[in-house]
Amino acid sequence: MSRRHRRGTAGPFVVALLAGCATSPPPAAEPVVPAPQPPVQGKAEPAPVTPIPVPPVVIVQPPPQTQTQIVVPPVNEEDQQALALLADLQRYATDNGDDVKRELASANQTFNRTRSDVSRIRLAVLLTLPAAGPPDDARALSLLEPMVGKGAGTSSLKQIATVVYAQIAERTRSVRDEQKKTAAAQEKLDALRAVERSLLLERSRNAGGAGGGGGGGGTGR
């Protein structure tokens, strides 16, 4: 068989084969089997959480502010007089002599008219001030004794009178002690002077007697 005859014989067969290949369906794809997964280990369940009770929030409202009123107790008349008297007594300590003397004269007149507790204390203090003249402690004590000798009490004027009386009495006692000491020293001094005069007189006598005896002896020779 010639080469040309082979071509003619094989041509239809090839065409038919190609046609068959063209019309035949493609082979079905194999199903994909998923790979086996490792067994999933069971997860531990979380422990139950007990909720903490929350106390209710109580909002306390502050009480309404009220204006505080300060109640000042009334000052009675005697306390007012005591305060005014203390101010005057402090002023007397710094006044000059002329002013204190005028105050003393005015206090004497006021006491003779009223004889009140305030006038007693005022006059008693002025009588003890050296700027007003020689202190008269005895009269000052006699003015205050009626107030100090009264029954128990804590009035303001009585407290002032008690303090002033104690100060004057202490000064009077000190002056009296000093006077006693001075008198005792003066007595000792007078006694020493008397002894001295006696010794001088005795010495003078002895000297006169010795001189007279010497003169008589000389005449005899």
C-alpha atoms as a PDB file:
ATOM      1  CA  MET A   1       0.000   0.000   0.000  1.00  0.00           C
ATOM      2  CA  SER A   2       1.269   3.250  -1.064  1.00  0.00           C
ATOM      3  CA  ARG A   3       1.813   6.225   1.296  1.00  0.00           C
ATOM      4  CA  ARG A   4      -1.048   8.074  -0.305  1.00  0.00           C
ATOM      5  CA  HIS A   5      -3.408   5.154   0.266  1.00  0.00           C
ATOM      6  CA  ARG A   6      -2.437   5.144   3.944  1.00  0.00           C
ATOM      7  CA  ARG A   7      -3.281   8.791   4.230  1.00  0.00           C
ATOM      8  CA  GLY A   8      -6.677   8.252   2.720  1.00  0.00           C
ATOM      9  CA  THR A   9      -7.460   5.310   4.991  1.00  0.00           C
ATOM     10  CA  ALA A  10      -6.281   6.851   8.166  1.00  0.00           C
ATOM     11  CA  GLY A  11      -7.881  10.194   7.606  1.00  0.00           C
ATOM     12  CA  PRO A  12     -11.505   9.304   8.409  1.00  0.00           C
ATOM     13  CA  PHE A  13     -10.473   7.213  11.401  1.00  0.00           C
ATOM     14  CA  VAL A  14      -8.577  10.120  12.893  1.00  0.00           C
ATOM     15  CA  VAL A  15     -11.475  12.419  12.241  1.00  0.00           C
ATOM     16  CA  ALA A  16     -13.875  10.044  13.911  1.00  0.00           C
ATOM     17  CA  LEU A  17     -11.536   9.671  16.873  1.00  0.00           C
ATOM     18  CA  LEU A  18     -11.245  13.393  17.235  1.00  0.00           C
ATOM     19  CA  ALA A  19     -14.971  13.770  16.911  1.00  0.00           C
ATOM     20  CA  GLY A  20     -15.515  11.210  19.615  1.00  0.00           C
ATOM     21  CA  CYS A  21     -13.125  12.943  21.844  1.00  0.00           C
ATOM     22  CA  ALA A  22     -14.894  16.177  21.173  1.00  0.00           C
ATOM     23  CA  THR A  23     -18.356  14.884  21.968  1.00  0.00           C
ATOM     24  CA  SER A  24     -17.633  12.559  24.875  1.00  0.00           C
ATOM     25  CA  PRO A  25     -18.117  14.186  28.311  1.00  0.00           C
ATOM     26  CA  PRO A  26     -15.134  14.747  30.506  1.00  0.00           C
ATOM     27  CA  PRO A  27     -14.568  12.261  33.209  1.00  0.00           C
ATOM     28  CA  ALA A  28     -16.325  13.145  36.495  1.00  0.00           C
ATOM     29  CA  ALA A  29     -14.115  14.655  39.172  1.00  0.00           C
ATOM     30  CA  GLU A  30     -13.525  12.552  42.216  1.00  0.00           C
ATOM     31  CA  PRO A  31     -15.222  13.844  45.367  1.00  0.00           C
ATOM     32  CA  VAL A  32     -12.875  15.591  47.766  1.00  0.00           C
ATOM     33  CA  VAL A  33     -12.913  13.880  51.114  1.00  0.00           C
ATOM     34  CA  PRO A  34     -11.968  16.283  53.919  1.00  0.00           C
ATOM     35  CA  ALA A  35      -9.034  15.305  56.008  1.00  0.00           C
ATOM     36  CA  PRO A  36      -9.958  13.901  59.342  1.00  0.00           C
ATOM     37  CA  GLN A  37      -9.776  16.554  62.067  1.00  0.00           C
ATOM     38  CA  PRO A  38      -8.235  15.780  65.434  1.00  0.00           C
ATOM     39  CA  PRO A  39     -10.766  15.293  68.150  1.00  0.00           C
ATOM     40  CA  VAL A  40     -11.578  18.544  69.924  1.00  0.00           C
ATOM     41  CA  GLN A  41     -10.850  18.331  73.611  1.00  0.00           C
ATOM     42  CA  GLY A  42     -13.684  19.481  75.813  1.00  0.00           C
ATOM     43  CA  LYS A  43     -13.222  22.927  77.368  1.00  0.00           C
ATOM     44  CA  ALA A  44     -13.575  23.286  81.137  1.00  0.00           C
ATOM     45  CA  GLU A  45     -16.657  25.219  82.040  1.00  0.00           C
ATOM     46  CA  PRO A  46     -15.918  28.369  84.097  1.00  0.00           C
ATOM     47  CA  ALA A  47     -16.816  28.238  87.764  1.00  0.00           C
ATOM     48  CA  PRO A  48     -20.001  30.030  88.592  1.00  0.00           C
ATOM     49  CA  VAL A  49     -19.348  33.569  89.887  1.00  0.00           C
ATOM     50  CA  THR A  50     -21.449  34.669  92.813  1.00  0.00           C
ATOM     51  CA  PRO A  51     -22.298  38.354  92.398  1.00  0.00           C
ATOM     52  CA  ILE A  52     -21.296  40.591  95.335  1.00  0.00           C
ATOM     53  CA  PRO A  53     -24.309  42.375  96.704  1.00  0.00           C
ATOM     54  CA  VAL A  54     -23.935  46.101  96.286  1.00  0.00           C
ATOM     55  CA  PRO A  55     -25.466  48.103  99.141  1.00  0.00           C
ATOM     56  CA  PRO A  56     -27.873  50.726  98.061  1.00  0.00           C
ATOM     57  CA  VAL A  57     -26.416  54.204  97.837  1.00  0.00           C
ATOM     58  CA  VAL A  58     -28.074  56.523 100.310  1.00  0.00           C
ATOM     59  CA  ILE A  59     -27.589  60.207  99.643  1.00  0.00           C
ATOM     60  CA  VAL A  60     -27.763  62.150 102.864  1.00  0.00           C
ATOM     61  CA  GLN A  61     -28.830  65.685 102.387  1.00  0.00           C
ATOM     62  CA  PRO A  62     -27.221  68.156 104.853  1.00  0.00           C
ATOM     63  CA  PRO A  63     -29.691  69.927 107.052  1.00  0.00           C
ATOM     64  CA  PRO A  64     -30.509  73.404 105.954  1.00  0.00           C
ATOM     65  CA  GLN A  65     -28.113  75.890 107.431  1.00  0.00           C
ATOM     66  CA  THR A  66     -29.681  78.149 109.935  1.00  0.00           C
ATOM     67  CA  GLN A  67     -28.167  81.365 111.105  1.00  0.00           C
ATOM     68  CA  THR A  68     -26.690  80.910 114.576  1.00  0.00           C
ATOM     69  CA  GLN A  69     -27.660  83.603 116.927  1.00  0.00           C
ATOM     70  CA  ILE A  70     -25.210  84.388 119.716  1.00  0.00           C
ATOM     71  CA  VAL A  71     -27.082  85.360 122.787  1.00  0.00           C
ATOM     72  CA  VAL A  72     -25.039  87.765 124.877  1.00  0.00           C
ATOM     73  CA  PRO A  73     -26.203  87.862 128.464  1.00  0.00           C
ATOM     74  CA  PRO A  74     -27.094  91.340 129.568  1.00  0.00           C
ATOM     75  CA  VAL A  75     -24.589  93.096 131.787  1.00  0.00           C
ATOM     76  CA  ASN A  76     -26.177  94.250 134.993  1.00  0.00           C
ATOM     77  CA  GLU A  77     -25.689  97.702 136.412  1.00  0.00           C
ATOM     78  CA  GLU A  78     -23.249  96.629 139.124  1.00  0.00           C
ATOM     79  CA  ASP A  79     -20.922  94.952 136.608  1.00  0.00           C
ATOM     80  CA  GLN A  80     -20.955  98.094 134.479  1.00  0.00           C
ATOM     81  CA  GLN A  81     -20.052 100.170 137.513  1.00  0.00           C
ATOM     82  CA  ALA A  82     -17.235  97.750 138.363  1.00  0.00           C
ATOM     83  CA  LEU A  83     -15.779  97.980 134.850  1.00  0.00           C
ATOM     84  CA  ALA A  84     -15.889 101.766 134.900  1.00  0.00           C
ATOM     85  CA  LEU A  85     -14.289 101.803 138.366  1.00  0.00           C
ATOM     86  CA  LEU A  86     -11.428  99.544 137.258  1.00  0.00           C
ATOM     87  CA  ALA A  87     -10.742 101.828 134.310  1.00  0.00           C
ATOM     88  CA  ASP A  88     -10.572 104.829 136.657  1.00  0.00           C
ATOM     89  CA  LEU A  89      -8.261 103.053 139.114  1.00  0.00           C
ATOM     90  CA  GLN A  90      -5.833 102.215 136.315  1.00  0.00           C
ATOM     91  CA  ARG A  91      -5.911 105.831 135.162  1.00  0.00           C
ATOM     92  CA  TYR A  92      -5.102 107.133 138.655  1.00  0.00           C
ATOM     93  CA  ALA A  93      -1.821 105.210 138.646  1.00  0.00           C
ATOM     94  CA  THR A  94      -0.563 107.241 135.661  1.00  0.00           C
ATOM     95  CA  ASP A  95      -2.024 110.671 136.502  1.00  0.00           C
ATOM     96  CA  ASN A  96       0.195 113.429 137.858  1.00  0.00           C
ATOM     97  CA  GLY A  97      -0.020 114.750 141.372  1.00  0.00           C
ATOM     98  CA  ASP A  98      -2.376 117.654 140.638  1.00  0.00           C
ATOM     99  CA  ASP A  99      -4.879 115.444 138.839  1.00  0.00           C
ATOM    100  CA  VAL A 100      -4.845 112.867 141.646  1.00  0.00           C
ATOM    101  CA  LYS A 101      -5.408 115.562 144.262  1.00  0.00           C
ATOM    102  CA  ARG A 102      -8.404 116.870 142.325  1.00  0.00           C
ATOM    103  CA  GLU A 103      -9.766 113.330 142.027  1.00  0.00           C
ATOM    104  CA  LEU A 104      -9.323 112.865 145.785  1.00  0.00           C
ATOM    105  CA  ALA A 105     -11.224 116.051 146.589  1.00  0.00           C
ATOM    106  CA  SER A 106     -14.025 115.033 144.190  1.00  0.00           C
ATOM    107  CA  ALA A 107     -14.157 111.517 145.644  1.00  0.00           C
ATOM    108  CA  ASN A 108     -14.495 112.936 149.176  1.00  0.00           C
ATOM    109  CA  GLN A 109     -17.451 115.060 148.134  1.00  0.00           C
ATOM    110  CA  THR A 110     -19.122 112.186 146.266  1.00  0.00           C
ATOM    111  CA  PHE A 111     -18.736 109.809 149.224  1.00  0.00           C
ATOM    112  CA  ASN A 112     -20.204 112.322 151.638  1.00  0.00           C
ATOM    113  CA  ARG A 113     -23.258 112.600 149.387  1.00  0.00           C
ATOM    114  CA  THR A 114     -23.877 109.000 148.327  1.00  0.00           C
ATOM    115  CA  ARG A 115     -21.782 106.637 150.491  1.00  0.00           C
ATOM    116  CA  SER A 116     -22.152 103.988 147.801  1.00  0.00           C
ATOM    117  CA  ASP A 117     -19.854 100.985 147.375  1.00  0.00           C
ATOM    118  CA  VAL A 118     -18.284 102.535 144.278  1.00  0.00           C
ATOM    119  CA  SER A 119     -17.521 105.787 146.091  1.00  0.00           C
ATOM    120  CA  ARG A 120     -16.031 103.842 149.029  1.00  0.00           C
ATOM    121  CA  ILE A 121     -13.611 101.916 146.841  1.00  0.00           C
ATOM    122  CA  ARG A 122     -12.662 104.957 144.787  1.00  0.00           C
ATOM    123  CA  LEU A 123     -11.916 107.091 147.857  1.00  0.00           C
ATOM    124  CA  ALA A 124     -10.027 104.279 149.592  1.00  0.00           C
ATOM    125  CA  VAL A 125      -7.707 103.785 146.630  1.00  0.00           C
ATOM    126  CA  LEU A 126      -7.061 107.519 146.224  1.00  0.00           C
ATOM    127  CA  LEU A 127      -6.176 107.805 149.922  1.00  0.00           C
ATOM    128  CA  THR A 128      -3.331 105.314 149.416  1.00  0.00           C
ATOM    129  CA  LEU A 129      -1.718 106.969 146.400  1.00  0.00           C
ATOM    130  CA  PRO A 130       1.486 108.902 147.247  1.00  0.00           C
ATOM    131  CA  ALA A 131       0.732 111.415 144.475  1.00  0.00           C
ATOM    132  CA  ALA A 132      -2.318 112.621 146.430  1.00  0.00           C
ATOM    133  CA  GLY A 133      -0.284 113.345 149.562  1.00  0.00           C
ATOM    134  CA  PRO A 134       0.723 111.328 152.633  1.00  0.00           C
ATOM    135  CA  PRO A 135      -1.070 107.951 152.407  1.00  0.00           C
ATOM    136  CA  ASP A 136      -3.902 107.428 154.896  1.00  0.00           C
ATOM    137  CA  ASP A 137      -4.067 103.639 155.028  1.00  0.00           C
ATOM    138  CA  ALA A 138      -6.016 103.586 158.288  1.00  0.00           C
ATOM    139  CA  ARG A 139      -8.920 105.557 156.819  1.00  0.00           C
ATOM    140  CA  ALA A 140      -8.813 103.535 153.619  1.00  0.00           C
ATOM    141  CA  LEU A 141      -9.156 100.293 155.577  1.00  0.00           C
ATOM    142  CA  SER A 142     -12.017 101.710 157.625  1.00  0.00           C
ATOM    143  CA  LEU A 143     -13.840 102.614 154.389  1.00  0.00           C
ATOM    144  CA  LEU A 144     -13.513  99.094 152.976  1.00  0.00           C
ATOM    145  CA  GLU A 145     -14.242  97.115 156.143  1.00  0.00           C
ATOM    146  CA  PRO A 146     -18.052  97.359 155.790  1.00  0.00           C
ATOM    147  CA  MET A 147     -17.872  95.807 152.340  1.00  0.00           C
ATOM    148  CA  VAL A 148     -15.342  93.106 153.232  1.00  0.00           C
ATOM    149  CA  GLY A 149     -17.174  92.208 156.421  1.00  0.00           C
ATOM    150  CA  LYS A 150     -20.484  91.630 154.654  1.00  0.00           C
ATOM    151  CA  GLY A 151     -21.947  88.183 154.216  1.00  0.00           C
ATOM    152  CA  ALA A 152     -20.719  85.780 151.593  1.00  0.00           C
ATOM    153  CA  GLY A 153     -21.119  87.037 148.081  1.00  0.00           C
ATOM    154  CA  THR A 154     -19.319  87.166 144.762  1.00  0.00           C
ATOM    155  CA  SER A 155     -20.434  90.510 143.420  1.00  0.00           C
ATOM    156  CA  SER A 156     -17.949  92.362 141.273  1.00  0.00           C
ATOM    157  CA  LEU A 157     -17.667  95.346 143.599  1.00  0.00           C
ATOM    158  CA  LYS A 158     -17.112  93.148 146.626  1.00  0.00           C
ATOM    159  CA  GLN A 159     -14.307  91.260 144.853  1.00  0.00           C
ATOM    160  CA  ILE A 160     -12.593  94.561 144.022  1.00  0.00           C
ATOM    161  CA  ALA A 161     -13.001  95.792 147.606  1.00  0.00           C
ATOM    162  CA  THR A 162     -11.566  92.522 148.966  1.00  0.00           C
ATOM    163  CA  VAL A 163      -8.487  92.731 146.742  1.00  0.00           C
ATOM    164  CA  VAL A 164      -7.853  96.400 147.563  1.00  0.00           C
ATOM    165  CA  TYR A 165      -8.361  95.778 151.297  1.00  0.00           C
ATOM    166  CA  ALA A 166      -5.882  92.890 151.255  1.00  0.00           C
ATOM    167  CA  GLN A 167      -3.256  94.988 149.452  1.00  0.00           C
ATOM    168  CA  ILE A 168      -3.627  97.942 151.853  1.00  0.00           C
ATOM    169  CA  ALA A 169      -3.580  95.657 154.895  1.00  0.00           C
ATOM    170  CA  GLU A 170      -0.426  93.939 153.648  1.00  0.00           C
ATOM    171  CA  ARG A 171       1.287  97.261 153.038  1.00  0.00           C
ATOM    172  CA  THR A 172       0.207  98.523 156.469  1.00  0.00           C
ATOM    173  CA  ARG A 173       1.620  95.395 158.049  1.00  0.00           C
ATOM    174  CA  SER A 174       4.884  95.797 156.181  1.00  0.00           C
ATOM    175  CA  VAL A 175       5.124  99.460 157.186  1.00  0.00           C
ATOM    176  CA  ARG A 176       4.418  98.552 160.788  1.00  0.00           C
ATOM    177  CA  ASP A 177       7.136  95.880 160.726  1.00  0.00           C
ATOM    178  CA  GLU A 178       9.589  98.335 159.220  1.00  0.00           C
ATOM    179  CA  GLN A 179       8.706 100.889 161.860  1.00  0.00           C
ATOM    180  CA  LYS A 180       9.312  98.315 164.595  1.00  0.00           C
ATOM    181  CA  LYS A 181      12.657  97.388 163.095  1.00  0.00           C
ATOM    182  CA  THR A 182      13.595 101.036 162.754  1.00  0.00           C
ATOM    183  CA  ALA A 183      12.554 101.732 166.356  1.00  0.00           C
ATOM    184  CA  ALA A 184      14.584  98.772 167.628  1.00  0.00           C
ATOM    185  CA  ALA A 185      17.639  99.894 165.666  1.00  0.00           C
ATOM    186  CA  GLN A 186      17.196 103.415 166.988  1.00  0.00           C
ATOM    187  CA  GLU A 187      17.039 102.121 170.529  1.00  0.00           C
ATOM    188  CA  LYS A 188      20.261 100.198 170.043  1.00  0.00           C
ATOM    189  CA  LEU A 189      21.904 103.257 168.551  1.00  0.00           C
ATOM    190  CA  ASP A 190      20.747 105.428 171.437  1.00  0.00           C
ATOM    191  CA  ALA A 191      22.093 102.894 173.937  1.00  0.00           C
ATOM    192  CA  LEU A 192      25.468 102.831 172.202  1.00  0.00           C
ATOM    193  CA  ARG A 193      25.600 106.604 172.210  1.00  0.00           C
ATOM    194  CA  ALA A 194      24.762 106.625 175.907  1.00  0.00           C
ATOM    195  CA  VAL A 195      27.595 104.216 176.615  1.00  0.00           C
ATOM    196  CA  GLU A 196      29.920 106.332 174.523  1.00  0.00           C
ATOM    197  CA  ARG A 197      28.980 109.473 176.417  1.00  0.00           C
ATOM    198  CA  SER A 198      29.472 107.675 179.716  1.00  0.00           C
ATOM    199  CA  LEU A 199      32.937 106.499 178.692  1.00  0.00           C
ATOM    200  CA  LEU A 200      33.930 109.958 177.560  1.00  0.00           C
ATOM    201  CA  LEU A 201      32.709 111.460 180.803  1.00  0.00           C
ATOM    202  CA  GLU A 202      34.563 108.877 182.852  1.00  0.00           C
ATOM    203  CA  ARG A 203      37.728 109.446 180.863  1.00  0.00           C
ATOM    204  CA  SER A 204      37.397 113.187 181.343  1.00  0.00           C
ATOM    205  CA  ARG A 205      37.053 112.729 185.054  1.00  0.00           C
ATOM    206  CA  ASN A 206      40.043 110.468 185.281  1.00  0.00           C
ATOM    207  CA  ALA A 207      42.127 112.872 183.255  1.00  0.00           C
ATOM    208  CA  GLY A 208      41.168 115.772 185.531  1.00  0.00           C
ATOM    209  CA  GLY A 209      42.019 113.866 188.706  1.00  0.00           C
ATOM    210  CA  ALA A 210      45.406 112.806 187.418  1.00  0.00           C
ATOM    211  CA  GLY A 211      46.288 116.361 186.468  1.00  0.00           C
ATOM    212  CA  GLY A 212      45.373 117.738 189.896  1.00  0.00           C
ATOM    213  CA  GLY A 213      47.521 115.190 191.769  1.00  0.00           C
ATOM    214  CA  GLY A 214      50.573 115.958 189.658  1.00  0.00           C
ATOM    215  CA  GLY A 215      50.276 119.666 190.310  1.00  0.00           C
ATOM    216  CA  GLY A 216      50.190 119.192 194.099  1.00  0.00           C
ATOM    217  CA  GLY A 217      53.351 117.093 194.124  1.00  0.00           C
ATOM    218  CA  GLY A 218      55.294 119.742 192.280  1.00  0.00           C
ATOM    219  CA  THR A 219      54.375 122.443 194.760  1.00  0.00           C
ATOM    220  CA  GLY A 220      55.612 120.368 197.658  1.00  0.00           C
ATOM    221  CA  ARG A 221      59.076 120.091 196.165  1.00  0.00           C
END
